[in-house]
Amino acid sequence: ITFYSSDDMENWQHEGRVFAGEPEWAKEVAPEF
């Protein structure tokens, strides 16, 4: 999940990602995730 921040909805700063890796359960649900 990528995310950004802005103080005016015009100029956006890339803040990185929410999950450094992936949810622990992801491949149990979708093995090809």
Full PDB file with SEQRES, HELIX, SHEET, SSBOND, CRYST1, ORIGX, SCALE, CONECT and MASTER records, all heavy atoms in Angstrom:
SEQRES   1 A   33  ILE THR PHE TYR SER SER ASP ASP MET GLU ASN TRP GLN          
SEQRES   2 A   33  HIS GLU GLY ARG VAL PHE ALA GLY GLU PRO GLU TRP ALA          
SEQRES   3 A   33  LYS GLU VAL ALA PRO GLU PHE                                  
HELIX    1 AA1 ALA A   26  VAL A   29  1                                   4    
SHEET    1 AA1 2 THR A   2  SER A   5  0                                        
SHEET    2 AA1 2 GLN A  13  ARG A  17 -1                                        
CRYST1    1.000    1.000    1.000  90.00  90.00  90.00 P 1           1          
ORIGX1      1.000000  0.000000  0.000000        0.00000                         
ORIGX2      0.000000  1.000000  0.000000        0.00000                         
ORIGX3      0.000000  0.000000  1.000000        0.00000                         
SCALE1      1.000000  0.000000  0.000000        0.00000                         
SCALE2      0.000000  1.000000  0.000000        0.00000                         
SCALE3      0.000000  0.000000  1.000000        0.00000                         
ATOM      1  N   ILE A   1       0.855  -1.199   0.000  1.00  0.00           N  
ATOM      2  CA  ILE A   1       0.000   0.000   0.000  1.00  0.00           C  
ATOM      3  C   ILE A   1       0.885   1.240   0.000  1.00  0.00           C  
ATOM      4  O   ILE A   1       1.555   1.561   0.985  1.00  0.00           O  
ATOM      5  CB  ILE A   1      -0.987   0.085   1.176  1.00  0.00           C  
ATOM      6  CG1 ILE A   1      -1.829  -1.170   1.297  1.00  0.00           C  
ATOM      7  CG2 ILE A   1      -1.886   1.317   1.017  1.00  0.00           C  
ATOM      8  CD1 ILE A   1      -2.745  -1.167   2.521  1.00  0.00           C  
ATOM      9  N   THR A   2       0.897   1.951  -1.101  1.00  0.00           N  
ATOM     10  CA  THR A   2       1.698   3.162  -1.183  1.00  0.00           C  
ATOM     11  C   THR A   2       0.892   4.358  -0.683  1.00  0.00           C  
ATOM     12  O   THR A   2      -0.328   4.384  -0.796  1.00  0.00           O  
ATOM     13  CB  THR A   2       2.143   3.424  -2.623  1.00  0.00           C  
ATOM     14  OG1 THR A   2       0.996   3.417  -3.481  1.00  0.00           O  
ATOM     15  CG2 THR A   2       3.104   2.352  -3.089  1.00  0.00           C  
ATOM     16  N   PHE A   3       1.598   5.338  -0.099  1.00  0.00           N  
ATOM     17  CA  PHE A   3       0.864   6.513   0.367  1.00  0.00           C  
ATOM     18  C   PHE A   3       1.695   7.777   0.235  1.00  0.00           C  
ATOM     19  O   PHE A   3       2.919   7.752   0.123  1.00  0.00           O  
ATOM     20  CB  PHE A   3       0.335   6.311   1.783  1.00  0.00           C  
ATOM     21  CG  PHE A   3       1.347   6.345   2.893  1.00  0.00           C  
ATOM     22  CD1 PHE A   3       1.378   7.404   3.792  1.00  0.00           C  
ATOM     23  CD2 PHE A   3       2.233   5.295   3.085  1.00  0.00           C  
ATOM     24  CE1 PHE A   3       2.285   7.425   4.833  1.00  0.00           C  
ATOM     25  CE2 PHE A   3       3.134   5.300   4.135  1.00  0.00           C  
ATOM     26  CZ  PHE A   3       3.165   6.383   5.006  1.00  0.00           C  
ATOM     27  N   TYR A   4       0.977   8.901   0.232  1.00  0.00           N  
ATOM     28  CA  TYR A   4       1.508  10.231  -0.046  1.00  0.00           C  
ATOM     29  C   TYR A   4       0.882  11.225   0.915  1.00  0.00           C  
ATOM     30  O   TYR A   4      -0.184  10.974   1.473  1.00  0.00           O  
ATOM     31  CB  TYR A   4       1.185  10.644  -1.495  1.00  0.00           C  
ATOM     32  CG  TYR A   4       1.726   9.704  -2.529  1.00  0.00           C  
ATOM     33  CD1 TYR A   4       1.073   8.504  -2.813  1.00  0.00           C  
ATOM     34  CD2 TYR A   4       2.906   9.982  -3.208  1.00  0.00           C  
ATOM     35  CE1 TYR A   4       1.581   7.613  -3.739  1.00  0.00           C  
ATOM     36  CE2 TYR A   4       3.420   9.103  -4.140  1.00  0.00           C  
ATOM     37  CZ  TYR A   4       2.758   7.909  -4.396  1.00  0.00           C  
ATOM     38  OH  TYR A   4       3.273   7.029  -5.305  1.00  0.00           O  
ATOM     39  N   SER A   5       1.528  12.374   1.060  1.00  0.00           N  
ATOM     40  CA  SER A   5       0.984  13.442   1.900  1.00  0.00           C  
ATOM     41  C   SER A   5       1.034  14.759   1.134  1.00  0.00           C  
ATOM     42  O   SER A   5       1.860  14.953   0.242  1.00  0.00           O  
ATOM     43  CB  SER A   5       1.752  13.564   3.213  1.00  0.00           C  
ATOM     44  OG  SER A   5       3.086  13.999   2.972  1.00  0.00           O  
ATOM     45  N   SER A   6       0.133  15.683   1.514  1.00  0.00           N  
ATOM     46  CA  SER A   6       0.053  16.983   0.855  1.00  0.00           C  
ATOM     47  C   SER A   6      -0.611  17.971   1.803  1.00  0.00           C  
ATOM     48  O   SER A   6      -1.442  17.595   2.630  1.00  0.00           O  
ATOM     49  CB  SER A   6      -0.783  16.868  -0.424  1.00  0.00           C  
ATOM     50  OG  SER A   6      -1.033  18.144  -0.984  1.00  0.00           O  
ATOM     51  N   ASP A   7      -0.263  19.245   1.665  1.00  0.00           N  
ATOM     52  CA  ASP A   7      -0.962  20.268   2.451  1.00  0.00           C  
ATOM     53  C   ASP A   7      -1.932  21.076   1.594  1.00  0.00           C  
ATOM     54  O   ASP A   7      -2.558  22.014   2.078  1.00  0.00           O  
ATOM     55  CB  ASP A   7       0.023  21.198   3.165  1.00  0.00           C  
ATOM     56  CG  ASP A   7       0.945  21.943   2.204  1.00  0.00           C  
ATOM     57  OD1 ASP A   7       0.743  21.852   0.977  1.00  0.00           O  
ATOM     58  OD2 ASP A   7       1.869  22.615   2.695  1.00  0.00           O  
ATOM     59  N   ASP A   8      -2.068  20.692   0.303  1.00  0.00           N  
ATOM     60  CA  ASP A   8      -2.938  21.479  -0.567  1.00  0.00           C  
ATOM     61  C   ASP A   8      -3.686  20.655  -1.621  1.00  0.00           C  
ATOM     62  O   ASP A   8      -4.386  21.221  -2.464  1.00  0.00           O  
ATOM     63  CB  ASP A   8      -2.134  22.575  -1.274  1.00  0.00           C  
ATOM     64  CG  ASP A   8      -0.980  22.022  -2.100  1.00  0.00           C  
ATOM     65  OD1 ASP A   8      -0.878  20.788  -2.264  1.00  0.00           O  
ATOM     66  OD2 ASP A   8      -0.178  22.847  -2.608  1.00  0.00           O  
ATOM     67  N   MET A   9      -3.557  19.327  -1.598  1.00  0.00           N  
ATOM     68  CA  MET A   9      -4.125  18.437  -2.614  1.00  0.00           C  
ATOM     69  C   MET A   9      -3.567  18.716  -4.008  1.00  0.00           C  
ATOM     70  O   MET A   9      -4.131  18.303  -5.006  1.00  0.00           O  
ATOM     71  CB  MET A   9      -5.663  18.498  -2.644  1.00  0.00           C  
ATOM     72  CG  MET A   9      -6.312  17.790  -1.483  1.00  0.00           C  
ATOM     73  SD  MET A   9      -8.084  17.493  -1.706  1.00  0.00           S  
ATOM     74  CE  MET A   9      -8.749  19.142  -1.512  1.00  0.00           C  
ATOM     75  N   GLU A  10      -2.465  19.431  -4.069  1.00  0.00           N  
ATOM     76  CA  GLU A  10      -1.810  19.743  -5.345  1.00  0.00           C  
ATOM     77  C   GLU A  10      -0.440  19.089  -5.435  1.00  0.00           C  
ATOM     78  O   GLU A  10      -0.107  18.443  -6.417  1.00  0.00           O  
ATOM     79  CB  GLU A  10      -1.619  21.258  -5.494  1.00  0.00           C  
ATOM     80  CG  GLU A  10      -2.878  22.066  -5.498  1.00  0.00           C  
ATOM     81  CD  GLU A  10      -2.575  23.550  -5.638  1.00  0.00           C  
ATOM     82  OE1 GLU A  10      -1.386  23.912  -5.799  1.00  0.00           O  
ATOM     83  OE2 GLU A  10      -3.516  24.338  -5.577  1.00  0.00           O  
ATOM     84  N   ASN A  11       0.371  19.328  -4.420  1.00  0.00           N  
ATOM     85  CA  ASN A  11       1.759  18.869  -4.397  1.00  0.00           C  
ATOM     86  C   ASN A  11       1.867  17.720  -3.404  1.00  0.00           C  
ATOM     87  O   ASN A  11       1.606  17.900  -2.211  1.00  0.00           O  
ATOM     88  CB  ASN A  11       2.672  20.015  -3.976  1.00  0.00           C  
ATOM     89  CG  ASN A  11       2.523  21.211  -4.894  1.00  0.00           C  
ATOM     90  OD1 ASN A  11       3.037  21.230  -5.998  1.00  0.00           O  
ATOM     91  ND2 ASN A  11       1.786  22.223  -4.435  1.00  0.00           N  
ATOM     92  N   TRP A  12       2.260  16.545  -3.924  1.00  0.00           N  
ATOM     93  CA  TRP A  12       2.233  15.324  -3.114  1.00  0.00           C  
ATOM     94  C   TRP A  12       3.643  14.799  -2.870  1.00  0.00           C  
ATOM     95  O   TRP A  12       4.451  14.720  -3.776  1.00  0.00           O  
ATOM     96  CB  TRP A  12       1.400  14.263  -3.815  1.00  0.00           C  
ATOM     97  CG  TRP A  12      -0.046  14.633  -3.886  1.00  0.00           C  
ATOM     98  CD1 TRP A  12      -0.677  15.313  -4.897  1.00  0.00           C  
ATOM     99  CD2 TRP A  12      -1.032  14.368  -2.903  1.00  0.00           C  
ATOM    100  NE1 TRP A  12      -2.003  15.478  -4.597  1.00  0.00           N  
ATOM    101  CE2 TRP A  12      -2.256  14.913  -3.386  1.00  0.00           C  
ATOM    102  CE3 TRP A  12      -1.024  13.734  -1.662  1.00  0.00           C  
ATOM    103  CZ2 TRP A  12      -3.445  14.832  -2.670  1.00  0.00           C  
ATOM    104  CZ3 TRP A  12      -2.210  13.643  -0.949  1.00  0.00           C  
ATOM    105  CH2 TRP A  12      -3.402  14.181  -1.446  1.00  0.00           C  
ATOM    106  N   GLN A  13       3.882  14.402  -1.636  1.00  0.00           N  
ATOM    107  CA  GLN A  13       5.172  13.818  -1.260  1.00  0.00           C  
ATOM    108  C   GLN A  13       4.996  12.322  -1.032  1.00  0.00           C  
ATOM    109  O   GLN A  13       4.115  11.903  -0.281  1.00  0.00           O  
ATOM    110  CB  GLN A  13       5.695  14.469   0.014  1.00  0.00           C  
ATOM    111  CG  GLN A  13       7.047  13.926   0.461  1.00  0.00           C  
ATOM    112  CD  GLN A  13       7.682  14.825   1.495  1.00  0.00           C  
ATOM    113  OE1 GLN A  13       8.205  15.895   1.193  1.00  0.00           O  
ATOM    114  NE2 GLN A  13       7.631  14.386   2.748  1.00  0.00           N  
ATOM    115  N   HIS A  14       5.817  11.525  -1.697  1.00  0.00           N  
ATOM    116  CA  HIS A  14       5.753  10.076  -1.536  1.00  0.00           C  
ATOM    117  C   HIS A  14       6.270   9.701  -0.147  1.00  0.00           C  
ATOM    118  O   HIS A  14       7.404  10.010   0.212  1.00  0.00           O  
ATOM    119  CB  HIS A  14       6.601   9.408  -2.625  1.00  0.00           C  
ATOM    120  CG  HIS A  14       6.525   7.925  -2.611  1.00  0.00           C  
ATOM    121  ND1 HIS A  14       7.558   7.121  -3.037  1.00  0.00           N  
ATOM    122  CD2 HIS A  14       5.543   7.084  -2.220  1.00  0.00           C  
ATOM    123  CE1 HIS A  14       7.213   5.852  -2.907  1.00  0.00           C  
ATOM    124  NE2 HIS A  14       6.000   5.803  -2.411  1.00  0.00           N  
ATOM    125  N   GLU A  15       5.431   9.022   0.639  1.00  0.00           N  
ATOM    126  CA  GLU A  15       5.790   8.686   2.018  1.00  0.00           C  
ATOM    127  C   GLU A  15       6.240   7.243   2.184  1.00  0.00           C  
ATOM    128  O   GLU A  15       6.600   6.836   3.279  1.00  0.00           O  
ATOM    129  CB  GLU A  15       4.590   8.955   2.942  1.00  0.00           C  
ATOM    130  CG  GLU A  15       4.166  10.420   3.015  1.00  0.00           C  
ATOM    131  CD  GLU A  15       5.150  11.283   3.787  1.00  0.00           C  
ATOM    132  OE1 GLU A  15       6.113  10.726   4.365  1.00  0.00           O  
ATOM    133  OE2 GLU A  15       4.967  12.506   3.811  1.00  0.00           O  
ATOM    134  N   GLY A  16       6.180   6.459   1.110  1.00  0.00           N  
ATOM    135  CA  GLY A  16       6.628   5.070   1.232  1.00  0.00           C  
ATOM    136  C   GLY A  16       5.475   4.094   1.156  1.00  0.00           C  
ATOM    137  O   GLY A  16       4.552   4.252   0.358  1.00  0.00           O  
ATOM    138  N   ARG A  17       5.523   3.090   2.016  1.00  0.00           N  
ATOM    139  CA  ARG A  17       4.511   2.034   2.008  1.00  0.00           C  
ATOM    140  C   ARG A  17       4.070   1.732   3.432  1.00  0.00           C  
ATOM    141  O   ARG A  17       4.834   1.905   4.389  1.00  0.00           O  
ATOM    142  CB  ARG A  17       5.053   0.781   1.324  1.00  0.00           C  
ATOM    143  CG  ARG A  17       6.391   0.321   1.818  1.00  0.00           C  
ATOM    144  CD  ARG A  17       7.008  -0.740   0.920  1.00  0.00           C  
ATOM    145  NE  ARG A  17       6.358  -2.026   1.047  1.00  0.00           N  
ATOM    146  CZ  ARG A  17       6.583  -3.057   0.237  1.00  0.00           C  
ATOM    147  NH1 ARG A  17       7.428  -2.945  -0.774  1.00  0.00           N  
ATOM    148  NH2 ARG A  17       5.960  -4.206   0.411  1.00  0.00           N  
ATOM    149  N   VAL A  18       2.852   1.252   3.575  1.00  0.00           N  
ATOM    150  CA  VAL A  18       2.302   0.952   4.898  1.00  0.00           C  
ATOM    151  C   VAL A  18       2.901  -0.336   5.444  1.00  0.00           C  
ATOM    152  O   VAL A  18       3.342  -0.399   6.589  1.00  0.00           O  
ATOM    153  CB  VAL A  18       0.763   0.864   4.826  1.00  0.00           C  
ATOM    154  CG1 VAL A  18       0.194   0.331   6.138  1.00  0.00           C  
ATOM    155  CG2 VAL A  18       0.170   2.227   4.486  1.00  0.00           C  
ATOM    156  N   PHE A  19       2.898  -1.394   4.637  1.00  0.00           N  
ATOM    157  CA  PHE A  19       3.487  -2.671   5.039  1.00  0.00           C  
ATOM    158  C   PHE A  19       4.902  -2.761   4.482  1.00  0.00           C  
ATOM    159  O   PHE A  19       5.099  -2.674   3.261  1.00  0.00           O  
ATOM    160  CB  PHE A  19       2.673  -3.847   4.495  1.00  0.00           C  
ATOM    161  CG  PHE A  19       1.376  -4.104   5.204  1.00  0.00           C  
ATOM    162  CD1 PHE A  19       0.218  -3.438   4.817  1.00  0.00           C  
ATOM    163  CD2 PHE A  19       1.312  -5.004   6.257  1.00  0.00           C  
ATOM    164  CE1 PHE A  19      -0.983  -3.677   5.462  1.00  0.00           C  
ATOM    165  CE2 PHE A  19       0.125  -5.252   6.910  1.00  0.00           C  
ATOM    166  CZ  PHE A  19      -1.039  -4.582   6.512  1.00  0.00           C  
ATOM    167  N   ALA A  20       5.876  -2.945   5.351  1.00  0.00           N  
ATOM    168  CA  ALA A  20       7.254  -3.103   4.876  1.00  0.00           C  
ATOM    169  C   ALA A  20       7.384  -4.375   4.050  1.00  0.00           C  
ATOM    170  O   ALA A  20       8.131  -4.424   3.065  1.00  0.00           O  
ATOM    171  CB  ALA A  20       8.206  -3.146   6.056  1.00  0.00           C  
ATOM    172  N   GLY A  21       6.643  -5.404   4.433  1.00  0.00           N  
ATOM    173  CA  GLY A  21       6.616  -6.661   3.690  1.00  0.00           C  
ATOM    174  C   GLY A  21       5.214  -6.926   3.191  1.00  0.00           C  
ATOM    175  O   GLY A  21       4.707  -6.234   2.319  1.00  0.00           O  
ATOM    176  N   GLU A  22       4.583  -7.913   3.756  1.00  0.00           N  
ATOM    177  CA  GLU A  22       3.209  -8.239   3.402  1.00  0.00           C  
ATOM    178  C   GLU A  22       2.509  -8.807   4.633  1.00  0.00           C  
ATOM    179  O   GLU A  22       3.163  -9.246   5.589  1.00  0.00           O  
ATOM    180  CB  GLU A  22       3.179  -9.266   2.269  1.00  0.00           C  
ATOM    181  CG  GLU A  22       3.844 -10.582   2.633  1.00  0.00           C  
ATOM    182  CD  GLU A  22       3.999 -11.513   1.445  1.00  0.00           C  
ATOM    183  OE1 GLU A  22       4.417 -11.050   0.371  1.00  0.00           O  
ATOM    184  OE2 GLU A  22       3.710 -12.715   1.603  1.00  0.00           O  
ATOM    185  N   PRO A  23       1.181  -8.785   4.678  1.00  0.00           N  
ATOM    186  CA  PRO A  23       0.470  -9.381   5.816  1.00  0.00           C  
ATOM    187  C   PRO A  23       0.847 -10.852   5.983  1.00  0.00           C  
ATOM    188  O   PRO A  23       1.013 -11.577   4.996  1.00  0.00           O  
ATOM    189  CB  PRO A  23      -1.006  -9.232   5.423  1.00  0.00           C  
ATOM    190  CG  PRO A  23      -1.032  -8.097   4.453  1.00  0.00           C  
ATOM    191  CD  PRO A  23       0.256  -8.186   3.688  1.00  0.00           C  
ATOM    192  N   GLU A  24       0.981 -11.288   7.210  1.00  0.00           N  
ATOM    193  CA  GLU A  24       1.430 -12.655   7.478  1.00  0.00           C  
ATOM    194  C   GLU A  24       0.513 -13.699   6.856  1.00  0.00           C  
ATOM    195  O   GLU A  24       0.956 -14.780   6.477  1.00  0.00           O  
ATOM    196  CB  GLU A  24       1.520 -12.881   8.993  1.00  0.00           C  
ATOM    197  CG  GLU A  24       2.603 -12.060   9.682  1.00  0.00           C  
ATOM    198  CD  GLU A  24       2.664 -12.334  11.174  1.00  0.00           C  
ATOM    199  OE1 GLU A  24       1.841 -13.136  11.666  1.00  0.00           O  
ATOM    200  OE2 GLU A  24       3.534 -11.745  11.841  1.00  0.00           O  
ATOM    201  N   TRP A  25      -0.764 -13.372   6.742  1.00  0.00           N  
ATOM    202  CA  TRP A  25      -1.745 -14.345   6.288  1.00  0.00           C  
ATOM    203  C   TRP A  25      -1.967 -14.343   4.780  1.00  0.00           C  
ATOM    204  O   TRP A  25      -2.714 -15.172   4.247  1.00  0.00           O  
ATOM    205  CB  TRP A  25      -3.088 -14.087   6.976  1.00  0.00           C  
ATOM    206  CG  TRP A  25      -3.550 -12.654   6.868  1.00  0.00           C  
ATOM    207  CD1 TRP A  25      -3.311 -11.647   7.748  1.00  0.00           C  
ATOM    208  CD2 TRP A  25      -4.300 -12.082   5.787  1.00  0.00           C  
ATOM    209  NE1 TRP A  25      -3.877 -10.467   7.308  1.00  0.00           N  
ATOM    210  CE2 TRP A  25      -4.497 -10.718   6.103  1.00  0.00           C  
ATOM    211  CE3 TRP A  25      -4.839 -12.582   4.606  1.00  0.00           C  
ATOM    212  CZ2 TRP A  25      -5.196  -9.845   5.264  1.00  0.00           C  
ATOM    213  CZ3 TRP A  25      -5.534 -11.721   3.770  1.00  0.00           C  
ATOM    214  CH2 TRP A  25      -5.710 -10.373   4.103  1.00  0.00           C  
ATOM    215  N   ALA A  26      -1.319 -13.431   4.051  1.00  0.00           N  
ATOM    216  CA  ALA A  26      -1.648 -13.188   2.640  1.00  0.00           C  
ATOM    217  C   ALA A  26      -1.532 -14.452   1.778  1.00  0.00           C  
ATOM    218  O   ALA A  26      -2.441 -14.779   1.007  1.00  0.00           O  
ATOM    219  CB  ALA A  26      -0.769 -12.082   2.081  1.00  0.00           C  
ATOM    220  N   LYS A  27      -0.429 -15.173   1.882  1.00  0.00           N  
ATOM    221  CA  LYS A  27      -0.233 -16.320   1.008  1.00  0.00           C  
ATOM    222  C   LYS A  27      -1.045 -17.532   1.429  1.00  0.00           C  
ATOM    223  O   LYS A  27      -1.205 -18.474   0.648  1.00  0.00           O  
ATOM    224  CB  LYS A  27       1.258 -16.656   0.916  1.00  0.00           C  
ATOM    225  CG  LYS A  27       2.014 -15.633   0.072  1.00  0.00           C  
ATOM    226  CD  LYS A  27       3.422 -16.029  -0.229  1.00  0.00           C  
ATOM    227  CE  LYS A  27       4.085 -14.995  -1.146  1.00  0.00           C  
ATOM    228  NZ  LYS A  27       5.501 -15.299  -1.412  1.00  0.00           N  
ATOM    229  N   GLU A  28      -1.577 -17.517   2.641  1.00  0.00           N  
ATOM    230  CA  GLU A  28      -2.506 -18.576   3.025  1.00  0.00           C  
ATOM    231  C   GLU A  28      -3.815 -18.416   2.271  1.00  0.00           C  
ATOM    232  O   GLU A  28      -4.469 -19.398   1.902  1.00  0.00           O  
ATOM    233  CB  GLU A  28      -2.756 -18.535   4.533  1.00  0.00           C  
ATOM    234  CG  GLU A  28      -1.525 -18.830   5.370  1.00  0.00           C  
ATOM    235  CD  GLU A  28      -1.805 -18.701   6.855  1.00  0.00           C  
ATOM    236  OE1 GLU A  28      -2.997 -18.581   7.221  1.00  0.00           O  
ATOM    237  OE2 GLU A  28      -0.846 -18.718   7.647  1.00  0.00           O  
ATOM    238  N   VAL A  29      -4.211 -17.170   2.035  1.00  0.00           N  
ATOM    239  CA  VAL A  29      -5.444 -16.889   1.300  1.00  0.00           C  
ATOM    240  C   VAL A  29      -5.224 -17.011  -0.199  1.00  0.00           C  
ATOM    241  O   VAL A  29      -6.023 -17.614  -0.914  1.00  0.00           O  
ATOM    242  CB  VAL A  29      -5.949 -15.467   1.643  1.00  0.00           C  
ATOM    243  CG1 VAL A  29      -7.054 -15.032   0.690  1.00  0.00           C  
ATOM    244  CG2 VAL A  29      -6.415 -15.403   3.081  1.00  0.00           C  
ATOM    245  N   ALA A  30      -4.139 -16.416  -0.688  1.00  0.00           N  
ATOM    246  CA  ALA A  30      -3.846 -16.375  -2.123  1.00  0.00           C  
ATOM    247  C   ALA A  30      -2.408 -16.834  -2.329  1.00  0.00           C  
ATOM    248  O   ALA A  30      -1.478 -16.021  -2.263  1.00  0.00           O  
ATOM    249  CB  ALA A  30      -4.054 -14.966  -2.667  1.00  0.00           C  
ATOM    250  N   PRO A  31      -2.181 -18.124  -2.565  1.00  0.00           N  
ATOM    251  CA  PRO A  31      -0.819 -18.658  -2.668  1.00  0.00           C  
ATOM    252  C   PRO A  31       0.044 -17.961  -3.714  1.00  0.00           C  
ATOM    253  O   PRO A  31       1.269 -17.941  -3.579  1.00  0.00           O  
ATOM    254  CB  PRO A  31      -1.054 -20.126  -3.036  1.00  0.00           C  
ATOM    255  CG  PRO A  31      -2.396 -20.444  -2.473  1.00  0.00           C  
ATOM    256  CD  PRO A  31      -3.196 -19.193  -2.648  1.00  0.00           C  
ATOM    257  N   GLU A  32      -0.575 -17.382  -4.750  1.00  0.00           N  
ATOM    258  CA  GLU A  32       0.191 -16.707  -5.785  1.00  0.00           C  
ATOM    259  C   GLU A  32       0.332 -15.212  -5.518  1.00  0.00           C  
ATOM    260  O   GLU A  32       0.779 -14.461  -6.395  1.00  0.00           O  
ATOM    261  CB  GLU A  32      -0.471 -16.942  -7.147  1.00  0.00           C  
ATOM    262  CG  GLU A  32      -0.496 -18.410  -7.551  1.00  0.00           C  
ATOM    263  CD  GLU A  32      -1.208 -18.638  -8.874  1.00  0.00           C  
ATOM    264  OE1 GLU A  32      -1.407 -17.650  -9.612  1.00  0.00           O  
ATOM    265  OE2 GLU A  32      -1.565 -19.793  -9.163  1.00  0.00           O  
ATOM    266  N   PHE A  33      -0.015 -14.778  -4.334  1.00  0.00           N  
ATOM    267  CA  PHE A  33       0.106 -13.363  -3.963  1.00  0.00           C  
ATOM    268  C   PHE A  33       1.551 -12.902  -4.118  1.00  0.00           C  
ATOM    269  O   PHE A  33       2.483 -13.570  -3.675  1.00  0.00           O  
ATOM    270  CB  PHE A  33      -0.343 -13.176  -2.515  1.00  0.00           C  
ATOM    271  CG  PHE A  33      -0.170 -11.779  -1.988  1.00  0.00           C  
ATOM    272  CD1 PHE A  33      -0.981 -10.745  -2.411  1.00  0.00           C  
ATOM    273  CD2 PHE A  33       0.817 -11.508  -1.051  1.00  0.00           C  
ATOM    274  CE1 PHE A  33      -0.819  -9.471  -1.916  1.00  0.00           C  
ATOM    275  CE2 PHE A  33       0.986 -10.228  -0.540  1.00  0.00           C  
ATOM    276  CZ  PHE A  33       0.162  -9.212  -0.980  1.00  0.00           C  
TER     277      PHE A  33                                                      
MASTER        0    0    0    1    2    0    0    6  276    1    0    3          
END                                                                             
